[in-house]
């Protein structure tokens, strides 16, 4: 696990990566039951799509209202999570305790 955490810290230094941690004290959140990916395309002609994956299938959600709901969930996650610096500090402290 130490190598994984160190790798996360390396990735967080990249300009195209934003790493935030939701600590256990953050409580329940919308992504606990099912992970999701919001696909955002550079051309606004192409609307956002939500990608959901299960063990044996995948689903692309294109309905605008549903995608908006997932964007709301994601924004809630970001607001609940620690800041970028605090997230890195937490990961670093966990590594030091190992």
PDB file of N, CA and C in Angstrom:
ATOM      1  N   UNK A   1       0.815  -1.188   0.000  1.00  0.00           N
ATOM      2  CA  UNK A   1       0.000   0.000   0.000  1.00  0.00           C
ATOM      3  C   UNK A   1       0.867   1.262   0.000  1.00  0.00           C
ATOM      4  N   UNK A   2       2.029   1.180   0.599  1.00  0.00           N
ATOM      5  CA  UNK A   2       2.918   2.337   0.650  1.00  0.00           C
ATOM      6  C   UNK A   2       3.275   2.820  -0.755  1.00  0.00           C
ATOM      7  N   UNK A   3       3.600   1.895  -1.637  1.00  0.00           N
ATOM      8  CA  UNK A   3       3.951   2.281  -3.007  1.00  0.00           C
ATOM      9  C   UNK A   3       2.767   2.922  -3.721  1.00  0.00           C
ATOM     10  N   UNK A   4       1.581   2.441  -3.456  1.00  0.00           N
ATOM     11  CA  UNK A   4       0.390   3.027  -4.072  1.00  0.00           C
ATOM     12  C   UNK A   4       0.188   4.463  -3.601  1.00  0.00           C
ATOM     13  N   UNK A   5       0.353   4.690  -2.310  1.00  0.00           N
ATOM     14  CA  UNK A   5       0.200   6.037  -1.769  1.00  0.00           C
ATOM     15  C   UNK A   5       1.276   6.974  -2.303  1.00  0.00           C
ATOM     16  N   UNK A   6       2.504   6.479  -2.387  1.00  0.00           N
ATOM     17  CA  UNK A   6       3.582   7.294  -2.943  1.00  0.00           C
ATOM     18  C   UNK A   6       3.304   7.641  -4.407  1.00  0.00           C
ATOM     19  N   UNK A   7       2.757   6.681  -5.136  1.00  0.00           N
ATOM     20  CA  UNK A   7       2.426   6.918  -6.536  1.00  0.00           C
ATOM     21  C   UNK A   7       1.301   7.962  -6.660  1.00  0.00           C
ATOM     22  N   UNK A   8       0.326   7.898  -5.775  1.00  0.00           N
ATOM     23  CA  UNK A   8      -0.731   8.913  -5.777  1.00  0.00           C
ATOM     24  C   UNK A   8      -0.147  10.307  -5.559  1.00  0.00           C
ATOM     25  N   UNK A   9       0.813  10.415  -4.647  1.00  0.00           N
ATOM     26  CA  UNK A   9       1.459  11.715  -4.422  1.00  0.00           C
ATOM     27  C   UNK A   9       2.205  12.187  -5.667  1.00  0.00           C
ATOM     28  N   UNK A  10       2.871  11.271  -6.348  1.00  0.00           N
ATOM     29  CA  UNK A  10       3.553  11.627  -7.601  1.00  0.00           C
ATOM     30  C   UNK A  10       2.551  12.147  -8.628  1.00  0.00           C
ATOM     31  N   UNK A  11       1.454  11.425  -8.773  1.00  0.00           N
ATOM     32  CA  UNK A  11       0.434  11.831  -9.745  1.00  0.00           C
ATOM     33  C   UNK A  11      -0.167  13.185  -9.390  1.00  0.00           C
ATOM     34  N   UNK A  12      -0.333  13.450  -8.112  1.00  0.00           N
ATOM     35  CA  UNK A  12      -0.953  14.704  -7.688  1.00  0.00           C
ATOM     36  C   UNK A  12      -0.103  15.919  -8.056  1.00  0.00           C
ATOM     37  N   UNK A  13       1.166  15.707  -8.341  1.00  0.00           N
ATOM     38  CA  UNK A  13       2.044  16.805  -8.741  1.00  0.00           C
ATOM     39  C   UNK A  13       1.878  17.175 -10.218  1.00  0.00           C
ATOM     40  N   UNK A  14       1.184  16.341 -10.975  1.00  0.00           N
ATOM     41  CA  UNK A  14       0.971  16.615 -12.393  1.00  0.00           C
ATOM     42  C   UNK A  14      -0.061  17.727 -12.566  1.00  0.00           C
ATOM     43  N   UNK A  15       0.112  18.519 -13.603  1.00  0.00           N
ATOM     44  CA  UNK A  15      -0.782  19.660 -13.821  1.00  0.00           C
ATOM     45  C   UNK A  15      -2.200  19.246 -14.211  1.00  0.00           C
ATOM     46  N   UNK A  16      -2.349  18.039 -14.730  1.00  0.00           N
ATOM     47  CA  UNK A  16      -3.679  17.591 -15.173  1.00  0.00           C
ATOM     48  C   UNK A  16      -4.343  16.647 -14.172  1.00  0.00           C
ATOM     49  N   UNK A  17      -3.825  16.598 -12.932  1.00  0.00           N
ATOM     50  CA  UNK A  17      -4.385  15.714 -11.910  1.00  0.00           C
ATOM     51  C   UNK A  17      -4.751  16.542 -10.685  1.00  0.00           C
ATOM     52  N   UNK A  18      -5.955  16.315 -10.184  1.00  0.00           N
ATOM     53  CA  UNK A  18      -6.406  16.926  -8.929  1.00  0.00           C
ATOM     54  C   UNK A  18      -6.760  15.796  -7.980  1.00  0.00           C
ATOM     55  N   UNK A  19      -6.058  15.731  -6.867  1.00  0.00           N
ATOM     56  CA  UNK A  19      -6.264  14.648  -5.910  1.00  0.00           C
ATOM     57  C   UNK A  19      -6.832  15.215  -4.616  1.00  0.00           C
ATOM     58  N   UNK A  20      -8.013  14.713  -4.245  1.00  0.00           N
ATOM     59  CA  UNK A  20      -8.625  15.093  -2.979  1.00  0.00           C
ATOM     60  C   UNK A  20      -9.064  13.828  -2.263  1.00  0.00           C
ATOM     61  N   UNK A  21      -8.951  13.851  -0.940  1.00  0.00           N
ATOM     62  CA  UNK A  21      -9.306  12.702  -0.116  1.00  0.00           C
ATOM     63  C   UNK A  21     -10.520  13.065   0.729  1.00  0.00           C
ATOM     64  N   UNK A  22     -11.467  12.147   0.784  1.00  0.00           N
ATOM     65  CA  UNK A  22     -12.570  12.290   1.727  1.00  0.00           C
ATOM     66  C   UNK A  22     -12.233  11.393   2.916  1.00  0.00           C
ATOM     67  N   UNK A  23     -11.920  11.985   4.059  1.00  0.00           N
ATOM     68  CA  UNK A  23     -11.574  11.158   5.220  1.00  0.00           C
ATOM     69  C   UNK A  23     -12.803  10.419   5.748  1.00  0.00           C
ATOM     70  N   UNK A  24     -12.565   9.370   6.512  1.00  0.00           N
ATOM     71  CA  UNK A  24     -13.667   8.590   7.055  1.00  0.00           C
ATOM     72  C   UNK A  24     -14.650   9.468   7.822  1.00  0.00           C
ATOM     73  N   UNK A  25     -14.148  10.499   8.475  1.00  0.00           N
ATOM     74  CA  UNK A  25     -15.010  11.402   9.235  1.00  0.00           C
ATOM     75  C   UNK A  25     -15.962  12.199   8.367  1.00  0.00           C
ATOM     76  N   UNK A  26     -15.749  12.176   7.050  1.00  0.00           N
ATOM     77  CA  UNK A  26     -16.620  12.898   6.132  1.00  0.00           C
ATOM     78  C   UNK A  26     -17.998  12.286   6.012  1.00  0.00           C
ATOM     79  N   UNK A  27     -18.157  11.063   6.485  1.00  0.00           N
ATOM     80  CA  UNK A  27     -19.453  10.406   6.466  1.00  0.00           C
ATOM     81  C   UNK A  27     -19.826   9.850   5.105  1.00  0.00           C
ATOM     82  N   UNK A  28     -21.096   9.477   4.993  1.00  0.00           N
ATOM     83  CA  UNK A  28     -21.603   8.883   3.759  1.00  0.00           C
ATOM     84  C   UNK A  28     -21.630   9.927   2.644  1.00  0.00           C
ATOM     85  N   UNK A  29     -21.413   9.460   1.427  1.00  0.00           N
ATOM     86  CA  UNK A  29     -21.438  10.356   0.271  1.00  0.00           C
ATOM     87  C   UNK A  29     -21.996   9.604  -0.936  1.00  0.00           C
ATOM     88  N   UNK A  30     -22.422  10.326  -1.972  1.00  0.00           N
ATOM     89  CA  UNK A  30     -23.105   9.700  -3.108  1.00  0.00           C
ATOM     90  C   UNK A  30     -22.301   8.641  -3.854  1.00  0.00           C
ATOM     91  N   UNK A  31     -20.998   8.693  -3.819  1.00  0.00           N
ATOM     92  CA  UNK A  31     -20.193   7.743  -4.604  1.00  0.00           C
ATOM     93  C   UNK A  31     -19.879   6.467  -3.846  1.00  0.00           C
ATOM     94  N   UNK A  32     -20.368   6.329  -2.646  1.00  0.00           N
ATOM     95  CA  UNK A  32     -20.043   5.132  -1.866  1.00  0.00           C
ATOM     96  C   UNK A  32     -20.621   3.870  -2.491  1.00  0.00           C
ATOM     97  N   UNK A  33     -21.792   3.959  -3.072  1.00  0.00           N
ATOM     98  CA  UNK A  33     -22.440   2.771  -3.605  1.00  0.00           C
ATOM     99  C   UNK A  33     -21.946   2.362  -4.967  1.00  0.00           C
ATOM    100  N   UNK A  34     -21.560   3.329  -5.784  1.00  0.00           N
ATOM    101  CA  UNK A  34     -21.202   3.006  -7.163  1.00  0.00           C
ATOM    102  C   UNK A  34     -20.300   4.097  -7.728  1.00  0.00           C
ATOM    103  N   UNK A  35     -19.094   3.747  -8.099  1.00  0.00           N
ATOM    104  CA  UNK A  35     -18.214   4.759  -8.690  1.00  0.00           C
ATOM    105  C   UNK A  35     -18.733   5.195 -10.054  1.00  0.00           C
ATOM    106  N   UNK A  36     -18.390   6.413 -10.431  1.00  0.00           N
ATOM    107  CA  UNK A  36     -18.808   6.929 -11.728  1.00  0.00           C
ATOM    108  C   UNK A  36     -17.730   7.833 -12.298  1.00  0.00           C
ATOM    109  N   UNK A  37     -17.765   7.992 -13.612  1.00  0.00           N
ATOM    110  CA  UNK A  37     -16.839   8.870 -14.319  1.00  0.00           C
ATOM    111  C   UNK A  37     -17.675   9.821 -15.161  1.00  0.00           C
ATOM    112  N   UNK A  38     -17.388  11.107 -15.062  1.00  0.00           N
ATOM    113  CA  UNK A  38     -18.059  12.083 -15.907  1.00  0.00           C
ATOM    114  C   UNK A  38     -17.111  12.416 -17.056  1.00  0.00           C
ATOM    115  N   UNK A  39     -17.536  12.087 -18.255  1.00  0.00           N
ATOM    116  CA  UNK A  39     -16.731  12.351 -19.448  1.00  0.00           C
ATOM    117  C   UNK A  39     -17.114  13.720 -19.990  1.00  0.00           C
ATOM    118  N   UNK A  40     -16.149  14.636 -20.007  1.00  0.00           N
ATOM    119  CA  UNK A  40     -16.366  15.996 -20.495  1.00  0.00           C
ATOM    120  C   UNK A  40     -15.536  16.162 -21.754  1.00  0.00           C
ATOM    121  N   UNK A  41     -16.177  16.606 -22.809  1.00  0.00           N
ATOM    122  CA  UNK A  41     -15.507  16.720 -24.102  1.00  0.00           C
ATOM    123  C   UNK A  41     -15.174  18.181 -24.397  1.00  0.00           C
ATOM    124  N   UNK A  42     -14.077  18.415 -25.118  1.00  0.00           N
ATOM    125  CA  UNK A  42     -13.638  19.793 -25.372  1.00  0.00           C
ATOM    126  C   UNK A  42     -14.631  20.599 -26.206  1.00  0.00           C
ATOM    127  N   UNK A  43     -15.319  19.949 -27.087  1.00  0.00           N
ATOM    128  CA  UNK A  43     -16.297  20.642 -27.921  1.00  0.00           C
ATOM    129  C   UNK A  43     -17.640  20.634 -27.208  1.00  0.00           C
ATOM    130  N   UNK A  44     -18.210  21.792 -26.970  1.00  0.00           N
ATOM    131  CA  UNK A  44     -19.475  21.876 -26.256  1.00  0.00           C
ATOM    132  C   UNK A  44     -20.629  21.269 -27.057  1.00  0.00           C
ATOM    133  N   UNK A  45     -20.397  21.015 -28.352  1.00  0.00           N
ATOM    134  CA  UNK A  45     -21.392  20.330 -29.167  1.00  0.00           C
ATOM    135  C   UNK A  45     -21.634  18.930 -28.622  1.00  0.00           C
ATOM    136  N   UNK A  46     -20.586  18.331 -28.068  1.00  0.00           N
ATOM    137  CA  UNK A  46     -20.680  16.997 -27.476  1.00  0.00           C
ATOM    138  C   UNK A  46     -21.027  17.139 -25.997  1.00  0.00           C
ATOM    139  N   UNK A  47     -22.228  16.754 -25.602  1.00  0.00           N
ATOM    140  CA  UNK A  47     -22.610  16.904 -24.189  1.00  0.00           C
ATOM    141  C   UNK A  47     -21.836  15.931 -23.289  1.00  0.00           C
ATOM    142  N   UNK A  48     -21.770  16.272 -22.005  1.00  0.00           N
ATOM    143  CA  UNK A  48     -21.136  15.398 -21.019  1.00  0.00           C
ATOM    144  C   UNK A  48     -21.873  14.061 -20.969  1.00  0.00           C
ATOM    145  N   UNK A  49     -21.132  13.021 -20.622  1.00  0.00           N
ATOM    146  CA  UNK A  49     -21.685  11.671 -20.501  1.00  0.00           C
ATOM    147  C   UNK A  49     -21.164  11.084 -19.194  1.00  0.00           C
ATOM    148  N   UNK A  50     -22.003  10.338 -18.504  1.00  0.00           N
ATOM    149  CA  UNK A  50     -21.583   9.636 -17.289  1.00  0.00           C
ATOM    150  C   UNK A  50     -21.359   8.177 -17.639  1.00  0.00           C
ATOM    151  N   UNK A  51     -20.220   7.650 -17.211  1.00  0.00           N
ATOM    152  CA  UNK A  51     -19.857   6.255 -17.460  1.00  0.00           C
ATOM    153  C   UNK A  51     -19.954   5.486 -16.153  1.00  0.00           C
ATOM    154  N   UNK A  52     -20.755   4.419 -16.161  1.00  0.00           N
ATOM    155  CA  UNK A  52     -20.907   3.539 -14.997  1.00  0.00           C
ATOM    156  C   UNK A  52     -20.460   2.148 -15.397  1.00  0.00           C
ATOM    157  N   UNK A  53     -19.701   1.502 -14.524  1.00  0.00           N
ATOM    158  CA  UNK A  53     -19.172   0.181 -14.841  1.00  0.00           C
ATOM    159  C   UNK A  53     -19.525  -0.808 -13.738  1.00  0.00           C
ATOM    160  N   UNK A  54     -19.973  -1.984 -14.143  1.00  0.00           N
ATOM    161  CA  UNK A  54     -20.222  -3.097 -13.237  1.00  0.00           C
ATOM    162  C   UNK A  54     -19.262  -4.223 -13.597  1.00  0.00           C
ATOM    163  N   UNK A  55     -19.385  -5.336 -12.900  1.00  0.00           N
ATOM    164  CA  UNK A  55     -18.496  -6.474 -13.174  1.00  0.00           C
ATOM    165  C   UNK A  55     -18.651  -7.007 -14.591  1.00  0.00           C
ATOM    166  N   UNK A  56     -19.854  -7.013 -15.105  1.00  0.00           N
ATOM    167  CA  UNK A  56     -20.078  -7.638 -16.413  1.00  0.00           C
ATOM    168  C   UNK A  56     -20.668  -6.702 -17.461  1.00  0.00           C
ATOM    169  N   UNK A  57     -20.794  -5.426 -17.143  1.00  0.00           N
ATOM    170  CA  UNK A  57     -21.379  -4.514 -18.117  1.00  0.00           C
ATOM    171  C   UNK A  57     -20.947  -3.083 -17.842  1.00  0.00           C
ATOM    172  N   UNK A  58     -21.309  -2.201 -18.771  1.00  0.00           N
ATOM    173  CA  UNK A  58     -21.047  -0.779 -18.623  1.00  0.00           C
ATOM    174  C   UNK A  58     -22.262  -0.022 -19.135  1.00  0.00           C
ATOM    175  N   UNK A  59     -22.448   1.184 -18.623  1.00  0.00           N
ATOM    176  CA  UNK A  59     -23.589   1.999 -19.014  1.00  0.00           C
ATOM    177  C   UNK A  59     -23.107   3.424 -19.249  1.00  0.00           C
ATOM    178  N   UNK A  60     -23.549   4.000 -20.344  1.00  0.00           N
ATOM    179  CA  UNK A  60     -23.263   5.397 -20.648  1.00  0.00           C
ATOM    180  C   UNK A  60     -24.567   6.172 -20.464  1.00  0.00           C
ATOM    181  N   UNK A  61     -24.573   7.097 -19.521  1.00  0.00           N
ATOM    182  CA  UNK A  61     -25.758   7.904 -19.249  1.00  0.00           C
ATOM    183  C   UNK A  61     -25.621   9.213 -20.017  1.00  0.00           C
ATOM    184  N   UNK A  62     -26.570   9.469 -20.899  1.00  0.00           N
ATOM    185  CA  UNK A  62     -26.517  10.667 -21.733  1.00  0.00           C
ATOM    186  C   UNK A  62     -27.648  11.648 -21.445  1.00  0.00           C
ATOM    187  N   UNK A  63     -28.651  11.219 -20.694  1.00  0.00           N
ATOM    188  CA  UNK A  63     -29.765  12.097 -20.365  1.00  0.00           C
ATOM    189  C   UNK A  63     -29.252  13.324 -19.601  1.00  0.00           C
ATOM    190  N   UNK A  64     -29.569  14.509 -20.099  1.00  0.00           N
ATOM    191  CA  UNK A  64     -29.019  15.749 -19.550  1.00  0.00           C
ATOM    192  C   UNK A  64     -29.354  15.911 -18.061  1.00  0.00           C
ATOM    193  N   UNK A  65     -30.579  15.597 -17.676  1.00  0.00           N
ATOM    194  CA  UNK A  65     -30.963  15.737 -16.268  1.00  0.00           C
ATOM    195  C   UNK A  65     -30.179  14.773 -15.374  1.00  0.00           C
ATOM    196  N   UNK A  66     -29.994  13.546 -15.848  1.00  0.00           N
ATOM    197  CA  UNK A  66     -29.212  12.566 -15.087  1.00  0.00           C
ATOM    198  C   UNK A  66     -27.753  12.998 -14.974  1.00  0.00           C
ATOM    199  N   UNK A  67     -27.178  13.463 -16.065  1.00  0.00           N
ATOM    200  CA  UNK A  67     -25.789  13.924 -16.050  1.00  0.00           C
ATOM    201  C   UNK A  67     -25.650  15.111 -15.103  1.00  0.00           C
ATOM    202  N   UNK A  68     -26.621  16.017 -15.123  1.00  0.00           N
ATOM    203  CA  UNK A  68     -26.594  17.148 -14.196  1.00  0.00           C
ATOM    204  C   UNK A  68     -26.605  16.675 -12.743  1.00  0.00           C
ATOM    205  N   UNK A  69     -27.366  15.630 -12.471  1.00  0.00           N
ATOM    206  CA  UNK A  69     -27.410  15.076 -11.119  1.00  0.00           C
ATOM    207  C   UNK A  69     -26.032  14.531 -10.712  1.00  0.00           C
ATOM    208  N   UNK A  70     -25.377  13.834 -11.620  1.00  0.00           N
ATOM    209  CA  UNK A  70     -24.034  13.318 -11.320  1.00  0.00           C
ATOM    210  C   UNK A  70     -23.038  14.460 -11.127  1.00  0.00           C
ATOM    211  N   UNK A  71     -23.168  15.521 -11.903  1.00  0.00           N
ATOM    212  CA  UNK A  71     -22.299  16.689 -11.707  1.00  0.00           C
ATOM    213  C   UNK A  71     -22.531  17.297 -10.328  1.00  0.00           C
ATOM    214  N   UNK A  72     -23.792  17.334  -9.884  1.00  0.00           N
ATOM    215  CA  UNK A  72     -24.102  17.835  -8.551  1.00  0.00           C
ATOM    216  C   UNK A  72     -23.463  16.938  -7.485  1.00  0.00           C
ATOM    217  N   UNK A  73     -23.570  15.610  -7.656  1.00  0.00           N
ATOM    218  CA  UNK A  73     -22.935  14.677  -6.726  1.00  0.00           C
ATOM    219  C   UNK A  73     -21.425  14.905  -6.675  1.00  0.00           C
ATOM    220  N   UNK A  74     -20.823  15.064  -7.853  1.00  0.00           N
ATOM    221  CA  UNK A  74     -19.374  15.261  -7.916  1.00  0.00           C
ATOM    222  C   UNK A  74     -18.965  16.549  -7.209  1.00  0.00           C
ATOM    223  N   UNK A  75     -19.715  17.616  -7.437  1.00  0.00           N
ATOM    224  CA  UNK A  75     -19.410  18.878  -6.756  1.00  0.00           C
ATOM    225  C   UNK A  75     -19.563  18.746  -5.251  1.00  0.00           C
ATOM    226  N   UNK A  76     -20.536  17.945  -4.809  1.00  0.00           N
ATOM    227  CA  UNK A  76     -20.704  17.678  -3.374  1.00  0.00           C
ATOM    228  C   UNK A  76     -19.474  16.932  -2.831  1.00  0.00           C
ATOM    229  N   UNK A  77     -18.998  15.962  -3.598  1.00  0.00           N
ATOM    230  CA  UNK A  77     -17.800  15.214  -3.190  1.00  0.00           C
ATOM    231  C   UNK A  77     -16.603  16.146  -3.037  1.00  0.00           C
ATOM    232  N   UNK A  78     -16.417  17.017  -4.015  1.00  0.00           N
ATOM    233  CA  UNK A  78     -15.284  17.957  -3.960  1.00  0.00           C
ATOM    234  C   UNK A  78     -15.385  18.887  -2.761  1.00  0.00           C
ATOM    235  N   UNK A  79     -16.611  19.317  -2.442  1.00  0.00           N
ATOM    236  CA  UNK A  79     -16.804  20.216  -1.300  1.00  0.00           C
ATOM    237  C   UNK A  79     -16.586  19.493   0.026  1.00  0.00           C
ATOM    238  N   UNK A  80     -16.908  18.204   0.070  1.00  0.00           N
ATOM    239  CA  UNK A  80     -16.745  17.399   1.281  1.00  0.00           C
ATOM    240  C   UNK A  80     -15.288  17.019   1.511  1.00  0.00           C
ATOM    241  N   UNK A  81     -14.542  16.859   0.427  1.00  0.00           N
ATOM    242  CA  UNK A  81     -13.159  16.377   0.504  1.00  0.00           C
ATOM    243  C   UNK A  81     -12.224  17.434   1.084  1.00  0.00           C
ATOM    244  N   UNK A  82     -11.088  16.952   1.540  1.00  0.00           N
ATOM    245  CA  UNK A  82     -10.029  17.849   1.990  1.00  0.00           C
ATOM    246  C   UNK A  82      -9.493  18.636   0.801  1.00  0.00           C
ATOM    247  N   UNK A  83      -8.866  19.767   1.061  1.00  0.00           N
ATOM    248  CA  UNK A  83      -8.230  20.537  -0.006  1.00  0.00           C
ATOM    249  C   UNK A  83      -7.107  19.707  -0.627  1.00  0.00           C
ATOM    250  N   UNK A  84      -6.573  20.173  -1.737  1.00  0.00           N
ATOM    251  CA  UNK A  84      -5.476  19.455  -2.392  1.00  0.00           C
ATOM    252  C   UNK A  84      -4.279  19.325  -1.450  1.00  0.00           C
ATOM    253  N   UNK A  85      -3.917  20.426  -0.806  1.00  0.00           N
ATOM    254  CA  UNK A  85      -2.759  20.402   0.105  1.00  0.00           C
ATOM    255  C   UNK A  85      -3.026  19.514   1.322  1.00  0.00           C
ATOM    256  N   UNK A  86      -4.217  19.626   1.892  1.00  0.00           N
ATOM    257  CA  UNK A  86      -4.544  18.809   3.067  1.00  0.00           C
ATOM    258  C   UNK A  86      -4.621  17.328   2.697  1.00  0.00           C
ATOM    259  N   UNK A  87      -5.082  17.035   1.496  1.00  0.00           N
ATOM    260  CA  UNK A  87      -5.130  15.638   1.040  1.00  0.00           C
ATOM    261  C   UNK A  87      -3.726  15.067   0.913  1.00  0.00           C
ATOM    262  N   UNK A  88      -2.820  15.834   0.317  1.00  0.00           N
ATOM    263  CA  UNK A  88      -1.428  15.388   0.192  1.00  0.00           C
ATOM    264  C   UNK A  88      -0.785  15.223   1.561  1.00  0.00           C
ATOM    265  N   UNK A  89      -1.089  16.149   2.458  1.00  0.00           N
ATOM    266  CA  UNK A  89      -0.536  16.060   3.816  1.00  0.00           C
ATOM    267  C   UNK A  89      -1.052  14.812   4.530  1.00  0.00           C
ATOM    268  N   UNK A  90      -2.320  14.492   4.358  1.00  0.00           N
ATOM    269  CA  UNK A  90      -2.871  13.297   4.986  1.00  0.00           C
ATOM    270  C   UNK A  90      -2.205  12.039   4.428  1.00  0.00           C
ATOM    271  N   UNK A  91      -2.060  11.963   3.125  1.00  0.00           N
ATOM    272  CA  UNK A  91      -1.405  10.799   2.514  1.00  0.00           C
ATOM    273  C   UNK A  91       0.037  10.687   3.007  1.00  0.00           C
ATOM    274  N   UNK A  92       0.738  11.817   3.082  1.00  0.00           N
ATOM    275  CA  UNK A  92       2.113  11.816   3.563  1.00  0.00           C
ATOM    276  C   UNK A  92       2.185  11.331   5.003  1.00  0.00           C
ATOM    277  N   UNK A  93       1.241  11.763   5.842  1.00  0.00           N
ATOM    278  CA  UNK A  93       1.259  11.335   7.241  1.00  0.00           C
ATOM    279  C   UNK A  93       0.968   9.844   7.371  1.00  0.00           C
ATOM    280  N   UNK A  94       0.097   9.319   6.511  1.00  0.00           N
ATOM    281  CA  UNK A  94      -0.186   7.887   6.532  1.00  0.00           C
ATOM    282  C   UNK A  94       1.064   7.101   6.135  1.00  0.00           C
ATOM    283  N   UNK A  95       1.768   7.593   5.128  1.00  0.00           N
ATOM    284  CA  UNK A  95       3.009   6.931   4.680  1.00  0.00           C
ATOM    285  C   UNK A  95       4.025   6.901   5.822  1.00  0.00           C
ATOM    286  N   UNK A  96       4.163   8.006   6.541  1.00  0.00           N
ATOM    287  CA  UNK A  96       5.138   8.087   7.648  1.00  0.00           C
ATOM    288  C   UNK A  96       4.783   7.137   8.788  1.00  0.00           C
ATOM    289  N   UNK A  97       3.499   6.853   8.948  1.00  0.00           N
ATOM    290  CA  UNK A  97       3.061   5.958  10.038  1.00  0.00           C
ATOM    291  C   UNK A  97       3.266   4.487   9.682  1.00  0.00           C
ATOM    292  N   UNK A  98       3.555   4.191   8.422  1.00  0.00           N
ATOM    293  CA  UNK A  98       3.696   2.796   7.993  1.00  0.00           C
ATOM    294  C   UNK A  98       5.027   2.231   8.419  1.00  0.00           C
TER     295      UNK A  98
END
